[in-house]
Amino acid sequence: MITFLWPLAFLALPLPFILRFFLKPADPGVSGALRVPFFKSVFGAAAGGAGTENRSAWKLVLASLIWVLLVTALARPAFVGPEVPLPAEGRDVMLAIDLSGSMDEQDFEVGGRPSTRLHVVKSTADTFIESRKGDRVGLVLFSDRAYLQAPLTFDRDAVRDLLDEAEVGLTGQKTAIGDAIAISLKRLKDRPENGRVLVLLTDGANNSGVMEPLKAATLAQELGIKIYTIGVGANSMMVDTGYGRQLVNPSADLDEGVLTEIADMTGGKYFRATDVSGLATVYREIDRLEPVAGEPVHIRPEIALYYWPAGVALVLAGLFALILITPTPLSRRHGAVGG
């Protein structure tokens, strides 16, 4: 679509006619043309003939057209393309989600009915991902080993779909926390320094993988990457067993000490989530600590076109100057008689 960026410039179009109407003609004074009473009788109708009138008409047309083209160029015509998103400089947020066998424990309740830890994690993390407008979000899943499920991307819906497809024990039953941190760091280390965040969620302790969690946290500290850790699982509760009601602790394997140290070393924070509302509160708190950047800005690319009318005006100005310096038929006849 072609538009004019300075359309008010067209208000200058009638300016020459206004000036011509209000300003007085220049006084020829003593330097005016020499009056020759017998000029017409000598040269006849050529003195005021149709050739002179046509020449004046062409001058007026050319001068008017040049003025219109110059004003059009001043109005800055431009071709405006469709909207394109301008890459936003938001945060880079990696989510590392535990898929070990214990994530199938049904110690959470949703609507009064027992629910697995992973089901609740998926639901609350889905809301968290959806809210990170303007941020790049990535996903790492881990159990016996860790792997990248989704690289950092603005496509939050794709990350949500991939998380929804995750299943407990997809790569084993154990917990490789250190490896999950290491893979996340590999994706975050080349991103801009401000705004690199890892959110790690687990319900156990590191018992698999090749990287120790605290060693991985040391690397994160050196790189300036902040880690928020979340420990999930219910507190001690009374349950019915074959031996009667007994006190059990579903979160006995959770290593809160290491998770807290990881967060402290990297400038993050450790959170404990014992139920659905508590986990939702954790994600809201992370949103507060790491505010979103907002939606990417959309712009319309512009291609300047002012040089076209300006160029045509320049060519016509040259033609106009050529007409001014070219002798009229009457002038040529004067030269012939004088010779």
C-alpha atoms as a PDB file:
ATOM      1  CA  MET A   1       0.000   0.000   0.000  1.00  0.00           C
ATOM      2  CA  ILE A   2       1.309   3.439  -0.991  1.00  0.00           C
ATOM      3  CA  THR A   3       0.818   6.224   1.543  1.00  0.00           C
ATOM      4  CA  PHE A   4       2.175   9.688   2.327  1.00  0.00           C
ATOM      5  CA  LEU A   5       4.046  10.131   5.588  1.00  0.00           C
ATOM      6  CA  TRP A   6       3.699  13.951   5.548  1.00  0.00           C
ATOM      7  CA  PRO A   7       0.309  14.511   3.841  1.00  0.00           C
ATOM      8  CA  LEU A   8       0.029  18.073   5.197  1.00  0.00           C
ATOM      9  CA  ALA A   9       2.673  19.074   2.641  1.00  0.00           C
ATOM     10  CA  PHE A  10      -0.075  19.084  -0.018  1.00  0.00           C
ATOM     11  CA  LEU A  11      -1.444  22.240   1.622  1.00  0.00           C
ATOM     12  CA  ALA A  12       1.405  24.047  -0.137  1.00  0.00           C
ATOM     13  CA  LEU A  13       0.055  23.209  -3.621  1.00  0.00           C
ATOM     14  CA  PRO A  14      -1.906  26.471  -4.135  1.00  0.00           C
ATOM     15  CA  LEU A  15       0.922  28.621  -2.736  1.00  0.00           C
ATOM     16  CA  PRO A  16       2.281  29.918  -6.120  1.00  0.00           C
ATOM     17  CA  PHE A  17      -1.217  30.923  -7.277  1.00  0.00           C
ATOM     18  CA  ILE A  18      -1.911  32.684  -3.979  1.00  0.00           C
ATOM     19  CA  LEU A  19       1.361  34.608  -4.241  1.00  0.00           C
ATOM     20  CA  ARG A  20       0.639  35.497  -7.887  1.00  0.00           C
ATOM     21  CA  PHE A  21      -2.780  36.824  -6.930  1.00  0.00           C
ATOM     22  CA  PHE A  22      -1.696  38.992  -3.995  1.00  0.00           C
ATOM     23  CA  LEU A  23       1.725  40.225  -5.096  1.00  0.00           C
ATOM     24  CA  LYS A  24       2.070  43.169  -7.524  1.00  0.00           C
ATOM     25  CA  PRO A  25       3.833  42.608 -10.863  1.00  0.00           C
ATOM     26  CA  ALA A  26       7.461  43.720 -10.946  1.00  0.00           C
ATOM     27  CA  ASP A  27       8.000  47.308 -12.179  1.00  0.00           C
ATOM     28  CA  PRO A  28      10.160  47.196 -15.335  1.00  0.00           C
ATOM     29  CA  GLY A  29      11.453  50.742 -14.604  1.00  0.00           C
ATOM     30  CA  VAL A  30      14.150  52.195 -16.797  1.00  0.00           C
ATOM     31  CA  SER A  31      15.578  48.797 -17.542  1.00  0.00           C
ATOM     32  CA  GLY A  32      12.390  47.724 -19.286  1.00  0.00           C
ATOM     33  CA  ALA A  33      12.213  46.769 -22.931  1.00  0.00           C
ATOM     34  CA  LEU A  34      12.723  49.419 -25.620  1.00  0.00           C
ATOM     35  CA  ARG A  35       9.419  50.456 -27.155  1.00  0.00           C
ATOM     36  CA  VAL A  36       9.478  50.392 -30.970  1.00  0.00           C
ATOM     37  CA  PRO A  37       6.285  51.952 -32.436  1.00  0.00           C
ATOM     38  CA  PHE A  38       6.775  50.423 -35.894  1.00  0.00           C
ATOM     39  CA  PHE A  39       7.677  46.899 -34.626  1.00  0.00           C
ATOM     40  CA  LYS A  40       4.367  45.310 -35.616  1.00  0.00           C
ATOM     41  CA  SER A  41       4.347  46.937 -39.019  1.00  0.00           C
ATOM     42  CA  VAL A  42       7.783  45.460 -39.758  1.00  0.00           C
ATOM     43  CA  PHE A  43       7.394  41.961 -38.350  1.00  0.00           C
ATOM     44  CA  GLY A  44       3.634  41.548 -38.682  1.00  0.00           C
ATOM     45  CA  ALA A  45       1.687  38.973 -36.731  1.00  0.00           C
ATOM     46  CA  ALA A  46       4.824  37.072 -35.702  1.00  0.00           C
ATOM     47  CA  ALA A  47       5.269  39.476 -32.806  1.00  0.00           C
ATOM     48  CA  GLY A  48       2.173  38.207 -30.992  1.00  0.00           C
ATOM     49  CA  GLY A  49       1.438  35.051 -32.913  1.00  0.00           C
ATOM     50  CA  ALA A  50       0.252  31.633 -31.866  1.00  0.00           C
ATOM     51  CA  GLY A  51       3.839  30.338 -31.515  1.00  0.00           C
ATOM     52  CA  THR A  52       4.572  32.728 -28.662  1.00  0.00           C
ATOM     53  CA  GLU A  53       1.273  31.922 -26.963  1.00  0.00           C
ATOM     54  CA  ASN A  54       1.902  28.160 -27.213  1.00  0.00           C
ATOM     55  CA  ARG A  55       5.376  28.630 -25.817  1.00  0.00           C
ATOM     56  CA  SER A  56       3.987  30.532 -22.795  1.00  0.00           C
ATOM     57  CA  ALA A  57       1.354  27.856 -22.254  1.00  0.00           C
ATOM     58  CA  TRP A  58       4.013  25.138 -22.220  1.00  0.00           C
ATOM     59  CA  LYS A  59       6.044  27.115 -19.700  1.00  0.00           C
ATOM     60  CA  LEU A  60       3.016  27.396 -17.406  1.00  0.00           C
ATOM     61  CA  VAL A  61       2.217  23.682 -17.692  1.00  0.00           C
ATOM     62  CA  LEU A  62       5.810  22.654 -17.002  1.00  0.00           C
ATOM     63  CA  ALA A  63       6.222  25.038 -14.066  1.00  0.00           C
ATOM     64  CA  SER A  64       2.952  23.817 -12.519  1.00  0.00           C
ATOM     65  CA  LEU A  65       3.880  20.169 -13.009  1.00  0.00           C
ATOM     66  CA  ILE A  66       7.322  20.711 -11.473  1.00  0.00           C
ATOM     67  CA  TRP A  67       5.753  22.363  -8.453  1.00  0.00           C
ATOM     68  CA  VAL A  68       3.226  19.515  -7.999  1.00  0.00           C
ATOM     69  CA  LEU A  69       6.005  16.915  -8.200  1.00  0.00           C
ATOM     70  CA  LEU A  70       8.163  18.775  -5.681  1.00  0.00           C
ATOM     71  CA  VAL A  71       5.276  19.023  -3.205  1.00  0.00           C
ATOM     72  CA  THR A  72       4.529  15.319  -3.744  1.00  0.00           C
ATOM     73  CA  ALA A  73       8.150  14.470  -2.949  1.00  0.00           C
ATOM     74  CA  LEU A  74       7.957  16.667   0.165  1.00  0.00           C
ATOM     75  CA  ALA A  75       4.893  14.688   1.308  1.00  0.00           C
ATOM     76  CA  ARG A  76       7.211  11.626   1.461  1.00  0.00           C
ATOM     77  CA  PRO A  77       5.380   8.930  -0.486  1.00  0.00           C
ATOM     78  CA  ALA A  78       6.243   5.436   0.728  1.00  0.00           C
ATOM     79  CA  PHE A  79       5.230   1.842   0.140  1.00  0.00           C
ATOM     80  CA  VAL A  80       4.064   0.338   3.448  1.00  0.00           C
ATOM     81  CA  GLY A  81       4.180  -3.456   3.681  1.00  0.00           C
ATOM     82  CA  PRO A  82       2.225  -5.858   5.924  1.00  0.00           C
ATOM     83  CA  GLU A  83       2.860  -5.968   9.671  1.00  0.00           C
ATOM     84  CA  VAL A  84       5.857  -8.002  10.846  1.00  0.00           C
ATOM     85  CA  PRO A  85       6.812  -8.717  14.480  1.00  0.00           C
ATOM     86  CA  LEU A  86       9.889  -6.966  15.785  1.00  0.00           C
ATOM     87  CA  PRO A  87      11.905  -9.449  17.834  1.00  0.00           C
ATOM     88  CA  ALA A  88      11.334  -8.649  21.493  1.00  0.00           C
ATOM     89  CA  GLU A  89      14.222  -8.516  23.911  1.00  0.00           C
ATOM     90  CA  GLY A  90      12.448 -10.505  26.625  1.00  0.00           C
ATOM     91  CA  ARG A  91      13.755 -13.100  29.036  1.00  0.00           C
ATOM     92  CA  ASP A  92      14.988 -16.572  28.128  1.00  0.00           C
ATOM     93  CA  VAL A  93      13.202 -19.058  30.389  1.00  0.00           C
ATOM     94  CA  MET A  94      14.058 -22.762  30.433  1.00  0.00           C
ATOM     95  CA  LEU A  95      11.759 -25.183  32.267  1.00  0.00           C
ATOM     96  CA  ALA A  96      13.266 -28.453  33.517  1.00  0.00           C
ATOM     97  CA  ILE A  97      10.527 -30.923  34.530  1.00  0.00           C
ATOM     98  CA  ASP A  98      11.085 -34.190  36.422  1.00  0.00           C
ATOM     99  CA  LEU A  99       9.519 -37.310  34.805  1.00  0.00           C
ATOM    100  CA  SER A 100      10.893 -39.882  37.269  1.00  0.00           C
ATOM    101  CA  GLY A 101       8.663 -42.680  38.524  1.00  0.00           C
ATOM    102  CA  SER A 102       7.720 -40.851  41.729  1.00  0.00           C
ATOM    103  CA  MET A 103       5.976 -38.132  39.701  1.00  0.00           C
ATOM    104  CA  ASP A 104       3.152 -40.671  39.293  1.00  0.00           C
ATOM    105  CA  GLU A 105       2.424 -40.447  43.030  1.00  0.00           C
ATOM    106  CA  GLN A 106      -1.208 -39.440  43.688  1.00  0.00           C
ATOM    107  CA  ASP A 107      -0.744 -37.182  46.695  1.00  0.00           C
ATOM    108  CA  PHE A 108      -2.371 -34.084  45.150  1.00  0.00           C
ATOM    109  CA  GLU A 109      -6.092 -33.403  44.873  1.00  0.00           C
ATOM    110  CA  VAL A 110      -7.942 -31.711  42.012  1.00  0.00           C
ATOM    111  CA  GLY A 111     -11.654 -31.099  42.547  1.00  0.00           C
ATOM    112  CA  GLY A 112     -11.660 -33.359  45.613  1.00  0.00           C
ATOM    113  CA  ARG A 113     -10.200 -36.304  43.690  1.00  0.00           C
ATOM    114  CA  PRO A 114      -6.639 -37.697  43.862  1.00  0.00           C
ATOM    115  CA  SER A 115      -4.329 -36.563  41.077  1.00  0.00           C
ATOM    116  CA  THR A 116      -0.754 -37.395  40.114  1.00  0.00           C
ATOM    117  CA  ARG A 117       2.033 -34.900  40.676  1.00  0.00           C
ATOM    118  CA  LEU A 118       2.803 -34.736  36.964  1.00  0.00           C
ATOM    119  CA  HIS A 119      -0.814 -33.966  36.077  1.00  0.00           C
ATOM    120  CA  VAL A 120      -0.844 -31.011  38.472  1.00  0.00           C
ATOM    121  CA  VAL A 121       2.598 -29.873  37.299  1.00  0.00           C
ATOM    122  CA  LYS A 122       1.424 -29.908  33.673  1.00  0.00           C
ATOM    123  CA  SER A 123      -1.658 -27.844  34.497  1.00  0.00           C
ATOM    124  CA  THR A 124       0.127 -25.145  36.493  1.00  0.00           C
ATOM    125  CA  ALA A 125       3.182 -25.013  34.206  1.00  0.00           C
ATOM    126  CA  ASP A 126       0.857 -24.642  31.215  1.00  0.00           C
ATOM    127  CA  THR A 127      -0.603 -21.484  32.743  1.00  0.00           C
ATOM    128  CA  PHE A 128       2.896 -20.207  33.550  1.00  0.00           C
ATOM    129  CA  ILE A 129       4.139 -20.757  29.981  1.00  0.00           C
ATOM    130  CA  GLU A 130       1.076 -19.121  28.485  1.00  0.00           C
ATOM    131  CA  SER A 131       1.624 -16.027  30.632  1.00  0.00           C
ATOM    132  CA  ARG A 132       5.246 -15.476  29.488  1.00  0.00           C
ATOM    133  CA  LYS A 133       4.288 -13.179  26.633  1.00  0.00           C
ATOM    134  CA  GLY A 134       7.315 -11.720  24.877  1.00  0.00           C
ATOM    135  CA  ASP A 135       9.727 -14.238  26.452  1.00  0.00           C
ATOM    136  CA  ARG A 136      11.471 -17.172  24.824  1.00  0.00           C
ATOM    137  CA  VAL A 137      10.542 -20.405  26.581  1.00  0.00           C
ATOM    138  CA  GLY A 138      12.262 -23.799  26.318  1.00  0.00           C
ATOM    139  CA  LEU A 139      11.609 -27.224  27.842  1.00  0.00           C
ATOM    140  CA  VAL A 140      13.951 -29.889  29.257  1.00  0.00           C
ATOM    141  CA  LEU A 141      12.561 -33.224  30.536  1.00  0.00           C
ATOM    142  CA  PHE A 142      14.578 -35.549  32.740  1.00  0.00           C
ATOM    143  CA  SER A 143      14.523 -38.842  34.626  1.00  0.00           C
ATOM    144  CA  ASP A 144      17.418 -41.353  34.141  1.00  0.00           C
ATOM    145  CA  ARG A 145      18.854 -38.818  31.697  1.00  0.00           C
ATOM    146  CA  ALA A 146      17.924 -35.325  30.562  1.00  0.00           C
ATOM    147  CA  TYR A 147      17.043 -34.236  27.054  1.00  0.00           C
ATOM    148  CA  LEU A 148      15.930 -31.086  25.290  1.00  0.00           C
ATOM    149  CA  GLN A 149      12.263 -31.307  24.363  1.00  0.00           C
ATOM    150  CA  ALA A 150      11.832 -27.739  23.063  1.00  0.00           C
ATOM    151  CA  PRO A 151      14.519 -25.134  22.301  1.00  0.00           C
ATOM    152  CA  LEU A 152      14.039 -21.517  23.355  1.00  0.00           C
ATOM    153  CA  THR A 153      11.219 -20.115  21.250  1.00  0.00           C
ATOM    154  CA  PHE A 154       8.507 -17.444  21.143  1.00  0.00           C
ATOM    155  CA  ASP A 155       6.031 -20.185  20.170  1.00  0.00           C
ATOM    156  CA  ARG A 156       4.633 -20.806  23.632  1.00  0.00           C
ATOM    157  CA  ASP A 157       1.776 -22.941  22.305  1.00  0.00           C
ATOM    158  CA  ALA A 158       4.257 -25.451  20.858  1.00  0.00           C
ATOM    159  CA  VAL A 159       6.051 -25.706  24.214  1.00  0.00           C
ATOM    160  CA  ARG A 160       2.724 -26.230  26.010  1.00  0.00           C
ATOM    161  CA  ASP A 161       1.779 -29.019  23.594  1.00  0.00           C
ATOM    162  CA  LEU A 162       5.112 -30.780  24.076  1.00  0.00           C
ATOM    163  CA  LEU A 163       4.777 -30.598  27.861  1.00  0.00           C
ATOM    164  CA  ASP A 164       1.246 -31.992  27.648  1.00  0.00           C
ATOM    165  CA  GLU A 165       2.589 -35.034  25.761  1.00  0.00           C
ATOM    166  CA  ALA A 166       5.190 -35.837  28.446  1.00  0.00           C
ATOM    167  CA  GLU A 167       4.688 -39.076  30.406  1.00  0.00           C
ATOM    168  CA  VAL A 168       6.147 -40.420  33.647  1.00  0.00           C
ATOM    169  CA  GLY A 169       9.106 -42.741  33.117  1.00  0.00           C
ATOM    170  CA  LEU A 170       9.591 -41.679  29.511  1.00  0.00           C
ATOM    171  CA  THR A 171      13.355 -42.149  29.881  1.00  0.00           C
ATOM    172  CA  GLY A 172      13.496 -44.167  33.100  1.00  0.00           C
ATOM    173  CA  GLN A 173      12.536 -44.035  36.754  1.00  0.00           C
ATOM    174  CA  LYS A 174      15.462 -42.191  38.362  1.00  0.00           C
ATOM    175  CA  THR A 175      16.317 -38.463  38.710  1.00  0.00           C
ATOM    176  CA  ALA A 176      19.197 -36.732  36.888  1.00  0.00           C
ATOM    177  CA  ILE A 177      18.973 -33.209  38.301  1.00  0.00           C
ATOM    178  CA  GLY A 178      22.586 -32.264  37.504  1.00  0.00           C
ATOM    179  CA  ASP A 179      22.239 -33.320  33.850  1.00  0.00           C
ATOM    180  CA  ALA A 180      18.982 -31.343  33.525  1.00  0.00           C
ATOM    181  CA  ILE A 181      20.758 -28.203  34.744  1.00  0.00           C
ATOM    182  CA  ALA A 182      23.731 -28.817  32.429  1.00  0.00           C
ATOM    183  CA  ILE A 183      21.573 -29.210  29.298  1.00  0.00           C
ATOM    184  CA  SER A 184      19.570 -26.111  30.211  1.00  0.00           C
ATOM    185  CA  LEU A 185      22.774 -24.104  30.685  1.00  0.00           C
ATOM    186  CA  LYS A 186      24.003 -25.222  27.261  1.00  0.00           C
ATOM    187  CA  ARG A 187      20.942 -23.574  25.696  1.00  0.00           C
ATOM    188  CA  LEU A 188      21.038 -20.452  27.856  1.00  0.00           C
ATOM    189  CA  LYS A 189      24.753 -19.630  27.882  1.00  0.00           C
ATOM    190  CA  ASP A 190      24.815 -17.976  24.433  1.00  0.00           C
ATOM    191  CA  ARG A 191      21.752 -15.819  25.079  1.00  0.00           C
ATOM    192  CA  PRO A 192      22.016 -12.146  26.224  1.00  0.00           C
ATOM    193  CA  GLU A 193      23.224 -11.981  29.821  1.00  0.00           C
ATOM    194  CA  ASN A 194      20.254 -10.146  31.327  1.00  0.00           C
ATOM    195  CA  GLY A 195      17.151 -12.292  31.752  1.00  0.00           C
ATOM    196  CA  ARG A 196      18.454 -15.882  31.545  1.00  0.00           C
ATOM    197  CA  VAL A 197      16.376 -18.026  33.908  1.00  0.00           C
ATOM    198  CA  LEU A 198      16.039 -21.745  34.659  1.00  0.00           C
ATOM    199  CA  VAL A 199      13.001 -23.070  36.547  1.00  0.00           C
ATOM    200  CA  LEU A 200      13.741 -26.609  37.778  1.00  0.00           C
ATOM    201  CA  LEU A 201      10.961 -28.766  39.233  1.00  0.00           C
ATOM    202  CA  THR A 202      11.522 -32.124  40.929  1.00  0.00           C
ATOM    203  CA  ASP A 203      10.100 -34.349  43.667  1.00  0.00           C
ATOM    204  CA  GLY A 204      13.276 -36.255  44.545  1.00  0.00           C
ATOM    205  CA  ALA A 205      17.041 -36.266  44.874  1.00  0.00           C
ATOM    206  CA  ASN A 206      19.757 -36.622  42.265  1.00  0.00           C
ATOM    207  CA  ASN A 207      20.476 -40.366  41.804  1.00  0.00           C
ATOM    208  CA  SER A 208      21.389 -40.607  38.143  1.00  0.00           C
ATOM    209  CA  GLY A 209      23.350 -38.840  35.398  1.00  0.00           C
ATOM    210  CA  VAL A 210      26.982 -37.763  35.068  1.00  0.00           C
ATOM    211  CA  MET A 211      26.825 -34.195  36.414  1.00  0.00           C
ATOM    212  CA  GLU A 212      26.536 -33.417  40.102  1.00  0.00           C
ATOM    213  CA  PRO A 213      23.808 -30.814  40.837  1.00  0.00           C
ATOM    214  CA  LEU A 214      26.069 -28.480  42.835  1.00  0.00           C
ATOM    215  CA  LYS A 215      28.790 -28.612  40.175  1.00  0.00           C
ATOM    216  CA  ALA A 216      26.172 -27.677  37.564  1.00  0.00           C
ATOM    217  CA  ALA A 217      24.998 -24.861  39.856  1.00  0.00           C
ATOM    218  CA  THR A 218      28.592 -23.596  40.044  1.00  0.00           C
ATOM    219  CA  LEU A 219      28.647 -23.375  36.228  1.00  0.00           C
ATOM    220  CA  ALA A 220      25.355 -21.487  36.299  1.00  0.00           C
ATOM    221  CA  GLN A 221      26.798 -19.095  38.857  1.00  0.00           C
ATOM    222  CA  GLU A 222      29.834 -18.429  36.652  1.00  0.00           C
ATOM    223  CA  LEU A 223      27.608 -17.815  33.623  1.00  0.00           C
ATOM    224  CA  GLY A 224      25.278 -15.514  35.561  1.00  0.00           C
ATOM    225  CA  ILE A 225      22.211 -17.716  34.994  1.00  0.00           C
ATOM    226  CA  LYS A 226      19.588 -17.643  37.730  1.00  0.00           C
ATOM    227  CA  ILE A 227      17.947 -20.902  38.863  1.00  0.00           C
ATOM    228  CA  TYR A 228      14.596 -21.156  40.632  1.00  0.00           C
ATOM    229  CA  THR A 229      14.033 -24.607  42.161  1.00  0.00           C
ATOM    230  CA  ILE A 230      10.656 -26.119  43.050  1.00  0.00           C
ATOM    231  CA  GLY A 231      10.182 -29.159  45.267  1.00  0.00           C
ATOM    232  CA  VAL A 232       6.781 -30.849  44.823  1.00  0.00           C
ATOM    233  CA  GLY A 233       5.005 -33.435  46.938  1.00  0.00           C
ATOM    234  CA  ALA A 234       2.605 -33.524  49.854  1.00  0.00           C
ATOM    235  CA  ASN A 235       3.643 -33.218  53.493  1.00  0.00           C
ATOM    236  CA  SER A 236       3.341 -36.066  55.987  1.00  0.00           C
ATOM    237  CA  MET A 237      -0.181 -37.451  56.131  1.00  0.00           C
ATOM    238  CA  MET A 238      -2.240 -40.207  57.715  1.00  0.00           C
ATOM    239  CA  VAL A 239      -3.208 -42.963  55.282  1.00  0.00           C
ATOM    240  CA  ASP A 240      -5.035 -46.286  55.575  1.00  0.00           C
ATOM    241  CA  THR A 241      -2.773 -49.312  55.185  1.00  0.00           C
ATOM    242  CA  GLY A 242      -3.075 -53.052  55.763  1.00  0.00           C
ATOM    243  CA  TYR A 243      -1.763 -52.373  59.242  1.00  0.00           C
ATOM    244  CA  GLY A 244      -4.282 -49.615  59.989  1.00  0.00           C
ATOM    245  CA  ARG A 245      -3.822 -45.854  59.690  1.00  0.00           C
ATOM    246  CA  GLN A 246      -0.200 -44.807  59.552  1.00  0.00           C
ATOM    247  CA  LEU A 247       1.754 -41.591  59.158  1.00  0.00           C
ATOM    248  CA  VAL A 248       3.643 -41.505  55.864  1.00  0.00           C
ATOM    249  CA  ASN A 249       5.771 -38.875  54.206  1.00  0.00           C
ATOM    250  CA  PRO A 250       5.277 -38.905  50.386  1.00  0.00           C
ATOM    251  CA  SER A 251       8.125 -36.399  50.006  1.00  0.00           C
ATOM    252  CA  ALA A 252      10.734 -38.323  51.984  1.00  0.00           C
ATOM    253  CA  ASP A 253      13.042 -38.515  48.924  1.00  0.00           C
ATOM    254  CA  LEU A 254      12.937 -34.775  48.231  1.00  0.00           C
ATOM    255  CA  ASP A 255      16.402 -33.243  48.736  1.00  0.00           C
ATOM    256  CA  GLU A 256      15.409 -29.749  49.842  1.00  0.00           C
ATOM    257  CA  GLY A 257      18.910 -28.940  51.062  1.00  0.00           C
ATOM    258  CA  VAL A 258      20.494 -29.304  47.619  1.00  0.00           C
ATOM    259  CA  LEU A 259      17.620 -27.514  45.892  1.00  0.00           C
ATOM    260  CA  THR A 260      17.923 -24.610  48.299  1.00  0.00           C
ATOM    261  CA  GLU A 261      21.688 -24.415  47.815  1.00  0.00           C
ATOM    262  CA  ILE A 262      21.338 -24.447  44.012  1.00  0.00           C
ATOM    263  CA  ALA A 263      18.929 -21.514  44.174  1.00  0.00           C
ATOM    264  CA  ASP A 264      21.055 -19.565  46.659  1.00  0.00           C
ATOM    265  CA  MET A 265      24.258 -20.033  44.646  1.00  0.00           C
ATOM    266  CA  THR A 266      22.703 -18.634  41.466  1.00  0.00           C
ATOM    267  CA  GLY A 267      20.638 -15.789  42.940  1.00  0.00           C
ATOM    268  CA  GLY A 268      17.338 -17.623  42.562  1.00  0.00           C
ATOM    269  CA  LYS A 269      14.935 -18.950  45.162  1.00  0.00           C
ATOM    270  CA  TYR A 270      13.710 -22.332  46.394  1.00  0.00           C
ATOM    271  CA  PHE A 271       9.952 -22.981  46.607  1.00  0.00           C
ATOM    272  CA  ARG A 272       8.050 -25.817  48.259  1.00  0.00           C
ATOM    273  CA  ALA A 273       4.733 -26.863  46.697  1.00  0.00           C
ATOM    274  CA  THR A 274       2.642 -29.309  48.716  1.00  0.00           C
ATOM    275  CA  ASP A 275      -0.679 -28.902  46.875  1.00  0.00           C
ATOM    276  CA  VAL A 276      -2.261 -27.468  43.730  1.00  0.00           C
ATOM    277  CA  SER A 277      -2.794 -23.958  45.056  1.00  0.00           C
ATOM    278  CA  GLY A 278       0.717 -23.893  46.475  1.00  0.00           C
ATOM    279  CA  LEU A 279       2.245 -24.796  43.101  1.00  0.00           C
ATOM    280  CA  ALA A 280       0.158 -22.154  41.335  1.00  0.00           C
ATOM    281  CA  THR A 281       1.349 -19.619  43.906  1.00  0.00           C
ATOM    282  CA  VAL A 282       4.959 -20.593  43.201  1.00  0.00           C
ATOM    283  CA  TYR A 283       4.609 -19.809  39.507  1.00  0.00           C
ATOM    284  CA  ARG A 284       2.892 -16.513  40.284  1.00  0.00           C
ATOM    285  CA  GLU A 285       5.762 -15.616  42.573  1.00  0.00           C
ATOM    286  CA  ILE A 286       8.279 -16.410  39.812  1.00  0.00           C
ATOM    287  CA  ASP A 287       6.238 -14.194  37.467  1.00  0.00           C
ATOM    288  CA  ARG A 288       6.555 -11.420  40.032  1.00  0.00           C
ATOM    289  CA  LEU A 289      10.307 -11.896  40.466  1.00  0.00           C
ATOM    290  CA  GLU A 290      10.895 -12.192  36.703  1.00  0.00           C
ATOM    291  CA  PRO A 291       8.320  -9.873  35.048  1.00  0.00           C
ATOM    292  CA  VAL A 292       7.404 -10.641  31.456  1.00  0.00           C
ATOM    293  CA  ALA A 293       8.617  -8.352  28.680  1.00  0.00           C
ATOM    294  CA  GLY A 294       5.227  -8.070  26.979  1.00  0.00           C
ATOM    295  CA  GLU A 295       4.058  -8.938  23.466  1.00  0.00           C
ATOM    296  CA  PRO A 296       6.502  -8.409  20.573  1.00  0.00           C
ATOM    297  CA  VAL A 297       6.087  -5.042  18.841  1.00  0.00           C
ATOM    298  CA  HIS A 298       4.672  -5.197  15.303  1.00  0.00           C
ATOM    299  CA  ILE A 299       5.887  -2.770  12.652  1.00  0.00           C
ATOM    300  CA  ARG A 300       5.124  -2.118   8.991  1.00  0.00           C
ATOM    301  CA  PRO A 301       8.248  -1.930   6.798  1.00  0.00           C
ATOM    302  CA  GLU A 302       8.434   1.256   4.702  1.00  0.00           C
ATOM    303  CA  ILE A 303      10.131   1.755   1.329  1.00  0.00           C
ATOM    304  CA  ALA A 304      10.717   5.430   0.498  1.00  0.00           C
ATOM    305  CA  LEU A 305       9.426   6.577  -2.924  1.00  0.00           C
ATOM    306  CA  TYR A 306      10.048  10.346  -2.720  1.00  0.00           C
ATOM    307  CA  TYR A 307      12.993  10.170  -5.108  1.00  0.00           C
ATOM    308  CA  TRP A 308      10.679   9.269  -8.025  1.00  0.00           C
ATOM    309  CA  PRO A 309       8.672  12.534  -8.098  1.00  0.00           C
ATOM    310  CA  ALA A 310      11.814  14.449  -7.139  1.00  0.00           C
ATOM    311  CA  GLY A 311      13.730  12.890 -10.041  1.00  0.00           C
ATOM    312  CA  VAL A 312      10.978  13.605 -12.556  1.00  0.00           C
ATOM    313  CA  ALA A 313      10.793  17.191 -11.286  1.00  0.00           C
ATOM    314  CA  LEU A 314      14.546  17.546 -11.849  1.00  0.00           C
ATOM    315  CA  VAL A 315      14.253  16.313 -15.456  1.00  0.00           C
ATOM    316  CA  LEU A 316      11.346  18.664 -16.170  1.00  0.00           C
ATOM    317  CA  ALA A 317      13.257  21.552 -14.607  1.00  0.00           C
ATOM    318  CA  GLY A 318      16.067  20.888 -17.059  1.00  0.00           C
ATOM    319  CA  LEU A 319      13.560  20.899 -19.927  1.00  0.00           C
ATOM    320  CA  PHE A 320      12.070  24.136 -18.625  1.00  0.00           C
ATOM    321  CA  ALA A 321      15.518  25.748 -18.542  1.00  0.00           C
ATOM    322  CA  LEU A 322      16.135  24.552 -22.093  1.00  0.00           C
ATOM    323  CA  ILE A 323      12.933  26.243 -23.271  1.00  0.00           C
ATOM    324  CA  LEU A 324      13.950  29.484 -21.579  1.00  0.00           C
ATOM    325  CA  ILE A 325      17.340  29.658 -23.278  1.00  0.00           C
ATOM    326  CA  THR A 326      16.150  28.441 -26.687  1.00  0.00           C
ATOM    327  CA  PRO A 327      15.493  31.469 -28.985  1.00  0.00           C
ATOM    328  CA  THR A 328      11.945  31.958 -30.188  1.00  0.00           C
ATOM    329  CA  PRO A 329      11.106  31.906 -33.930  1.00  0.00           C
ATOM    330  CA  LEU A 330      10.853  35.686 -33.740  1.00  0.00           C
ATOM    331  CA  SER A 331      14.383  35.905 -32.310  1.00  0.00           C
ATOM    332  CA  ARG A 332      15.746  33.759 -35.131  1.00  0.00           C
ATOM    333  CA  ARG A 333      14.071  36.019 -37.674  1.00  0.00           C
ATOM    334  CA  HIS A 334      15.734  39.014 -36.020  1.00  0.00           C
ATOM    335  CA  GLY A 335      19.101  37.313 -36.458  1.00  0.00           C
ATOM    336  CA  ALA A 336      18.449  36.631 -40.124  1.00  0.00           C
ATOM    337  CA  VAL A 337      17.452  40.237 -40.847  1.00  0.00           C
ATOM    338  CA  GLY A 338      20.458  41.594 -38.964  1.00  0.00           C
ATOM    339  CA  GLY A 339      22.798  39.381 -40.996  1.00  0.00           C
END
